[in-house]
């Protein structure tokens, strides 16, 4: 699948052990199925921490924007990531 603008998504998952995982994708449903082992692929990190639950996602204009946002979120503390999930409806991302 060739990604077009507006198809990229940045997302935050919570694993069964309570840990958080941040990633980017062009197909959220497929990627979530991979994280949960319903489809082949997916990162090694979530394989032993299933099931995972989608906590938050936001669209990105393109791959570069999505990856910059992912990197910024990964630098946040756990509390800040959880706050992002709670406040997202009130405070939009830059």
C-alpha atoms as a PDB file:
ATOM      1  CA  UNK A   1       0.000   0.000   0.000  1.00  0.00           C
ATOM      2  CA  UNK A   2       1.385   3.402  -0.901  1.00  0.00           C
ATOM      3  CA  UNK A   3       0.768   5.936   1.815  1.00  0.00           C
ATOM      4  CA  UNK A   4      -0.866   9.164   0.814  1.00  0.00           C
ATOM      5  CA  UNK A   5      -1.056  12.328   2.821  1.00  0.00           C
ATOM      6  CA  UNK A   6      -3.416  12.054   5.794  1.00  0.00           C
ATOM      7  CA  UNK A   7      -3.134   8.256   5.985  1.00  0.00           C
ATOM      8  CA  UNK A   8      -0.364   8.257   8.586  1.00  0.00           C
ATOM      9  CA  UNK A   9      -1.385   7.784  12.222  1.00  0.00           C
ATOM     10  CA  UNK A  10       0.605   8.167  15.452  1.00  0.00           C
ATOM     11  CA  UNK A  11      -0.722   5.924  18.218  1.00  0.00           C
ATOM     12  CA  UNK A  12      -0.238   4.964  21.849  1.00  0.00           C
ATOM     13  CA  UNK A  13      -0.999   1.486  23.182  1.00  0.00           C
ATOM     14  CA  UNK A  14      -1.236   0.092  26.679  1.00  0.00           C
ATOM     15  CA  UNK A  15       0.040  -3.449  27.121  1.00  0.00           C
ATOM     16  CA  UNK A  16      -1.422  -5.985  29.545  1.00  0.00           C
ATOM     17  CA  UNK A  17       1.513  -5.361  31.919  1.00  0.00           C
ATOM     18  CA  UNK A  18       0.642  -1.652  32.000  1.00  0.00           C
ATOM     19  CA  UNK A  19       3.561  -0.510  29.857  1.00  0.00           C
ATOM     20  CA  UNK A  20       3.006   1.952  27.010  1.00  0.00           C
ATOM     21  CA  UNK A  21       4.038   1.615  23.358  1.00  0.00           C
ATOM     22  CA  UNK A  22       4.120   4.417  20.779  1.00  0.00           C
ATOM     23  CA  UNK A  23       4.208   3.861  17.029  1.00  0.00           C
ATOM     24  CA  UNK A  24       3.153   5.037  13.574  1.00  0.00           C
ATOM     25  CA  UNK A  25       1.223   3.276  10.833  1.00  0.00           C
ATOM     26  CA  UNK A  26      -0.827   3.796   7.695  1.00  0.00           C
ATOM     27  CA  UNK A  27      -3.408   1.123   8.662  1.00  0.00           C
ATOM     28  CA  UNK A  28      -4.422   1.252  12.330  1.00  0.00           C
ATOM     29  CA  UNK A  29      -6.693  -1.802  12.267  1.00  0.00           C
ATOM     30  CA  UNK A  30      -4.033  -3.998  10.635  1.00  0.00           C
ATOM     31  CA  UNK A  31      -1.338  -2.750  12.993  1.00  0.00           C
ATOM     32  CA  UNK A  32      -3.464  -3.336  16.084  1.00  0.00           C
ATOM     33  CA  UNK A  33      -4.159  -6.884  14.864  1.00  0.00           C
ATOM     34  CA  UNK A  34      -0.389  -7.389  14.478  1.00  0.00           C
ATOM     35  CA  UNK A  35       0.272  -6.102  17.988  1.00  0.00           C
ATOM     36  CA  UNK A  36      -2.322  -8.529  19.366  1.00  0.00           C
ATOM     37  CA  UNK A  37      -1.007 -11.507  17.389  1.00  0.00           C
ATOM     38  CA  UNK A  38      -4.073 -11.828  15.166  1.00  0.00           C
ATOM     39  CA  UNK A  39      -1.889 -11.180  12.093  1.00  0.00           C
ATOM     40  CA  UNK A  40       1.765 -11.887  11.420  1.00  0.00           C
ATOM     41  CA  UNK A  41       4.267  -9.119  12.010  1.00  0.00           C
ATOM     42  CA  UNK A  42       4.314  -6.598  14.768  1.00  0.00           C
ATOM     43  CA  UNK A  43       7.065  -5.531  17.125  1.00  0.00           C
ATOM     44  CA  UNK A  44       8.857  -7.917  19.441  1.00  0.00           C
ATOM     45  CA  UNK A  45       8.078  -5.618  22.387  1.00  0.00           C
ATOM     46  CA  UNK A  46       4.338  -6.326  22.404  1.00  0.00           C
ATOM     47  CA  UNK A  47       4.568 -10.073  21.687  1.00  0.00           C
ATOM     48  CA  UNK A  48       5.007 -10.940  25.345  1.00  0.00           C
ATOM     49  CA  UNK A  49       2.706  -8.192  26.571  1.00  0.00           C
ATOM     50  CA  UNK A  50      -0.578  -9.071  24.886  1.00  0.00           C
ATOM     51  CA  UNK A  51      -3.311  -8.132  24.672  1.00  0.00           C
ATOM     52  CA  UNK A  52      -2.712  -4.485  23.917  1.00  0.00           C
ATOM     53  CA  UNK A  53      -5.321  -1.736  23.933  1.00  0.00           C
ATOM     54  CA  UNK A  54      -5.350   1.399  21.805  1.00  0.00           C
ATOM     55  CA  UNK A  55      -5.353   4.401  24.153  1.00  0.00           C
ATOM     56  CA  UNK A  56      -4.842   7.289  21.744  1.00  0.00           C
ATOM     57  CA  UNK A  57      -4.190   8.109  18.103  1.00  0.00           C
ATOM     58  CA  UNK A  58      -3.929  11.167  15.909  1.00  0.00           C
ATOM     59  CA  UNK A  59      -3.575  11.603  12.145  1.00  0.00           C
ATOM     60  CA  UNK A  60      -0.414  13.043  10.644  1.00  0.00           C
ATOM     61  CA  UNK A  61       0.039  14.803   7.330  1.00  0.00           C
ATOM     62  CA  UNK A  62       2.879  12.552   6.176  1.00  0.00           C
ATOM     63  CA  UNK A  63       5.420   9.985   7.342  1.00  0.00           C
ATOM     64  CA  UNK A  64       8.010  12.542   8.447  1.00  0.00           C
ATOM     65  CA  UNK A  65       5.482  14.428  10.556  1.00  0.00           C
ATOM     66  CA  UNK A  66       4.241  11.182  12.098  1.00  0.00           C
ATOM     67  CA  UNK A  67       7.761  10.072  12.978  1.00  0.00           C
ATOM     68  CA  UNK A  68       8.651  13.432  14.515  1.00  0.00           C
ATOM     69  CA  UNK A  69       5.494  13.311  16.644  1.00  0.00           C
ATOM     70  CA  UNK A  70       6.266   9.703  17.647  1.00  0.00           C
ATOM     71  CA  UNK A  71       9.789  10.718  18.723  1.00  0.00           C
ATOM     72  CA  UNK A  72       8.418  13.637  20.741  1.00  0.00           C
ATOM     73  CA  UNK A  73       5.888  11.395  22.498  1.00  0.00           C
ATOM     74  CA  UNK A  74       8.545   8.790  23.279  1.00  0.00           C
ATOM     75  CA  UNK A  75      10.521  11.483  25.133  1.00  0.00           C
ATOM     76  CA  UNK A  76       7.561  12.228  27.419  1.00  0.00           C
ATOM     77  CA  UNK A  77       7.243  10.714  30.868  1.00  0.00           C
ATOM     78  CA  UNK A  78       4.645   8.028  31.442  1.00  0.00           C
ATOM     79  CA  UNK A  79       2.437  10.497  33.290  1.00  0.00           C
ATOM     80  CA  UNK A  80       2.672  12.986  30.420  1.00  0.00           C
ATOM     81  CA  UNK A  81       1.733  10.262  27.925  1.00  0.00           C
ATOM     82  CA  UNK A  82      -1.312   9.313  29.981  1.00  0.00           C
ATOM     83  CA  UNK A  83      -2.240  12.983  30.309  1.00  0.00           C
ATOM     84  CA  UNK A  84      -2.033  13.279  26.525  1.00  0.00           C
ATOM     85  CA  UNK A  85      -4.627  10.522  26.262  1.00  0.00           C
ATOM     86  CA  UNK A  86      -6.920  12.280  28.739  1.00  0.00           C
ATOM     87  CA  UNK A  87      -6.495  15.835  27.475  1.00  0.00           C
ATOM     88  CA  UNK A  88      -6.335  15.169  23.741  1.00  0.00           C
ATOM     89  CA  UNK A  89      -9.940  16.266  23.208  1.00  0.00           C
ATOM     90  CA  UNK A  90      -9.234  19.553  24.958  1.00  0.00           C
ATOM     91  CA  UNK A  91      -5.684  20.371  23.789  1.00  0.00           C
ATOM     92  CA  UNK A  92      -4.950  19.521  20.144  1.00  0.00           C
ATOM     93  CA  UNK A  93      -1.422  18.562  19.098  1.00  0.00           C
ATOM     94  CA  UNK A  94       0.744  21.250  17.479  1.00  0.00           C
END
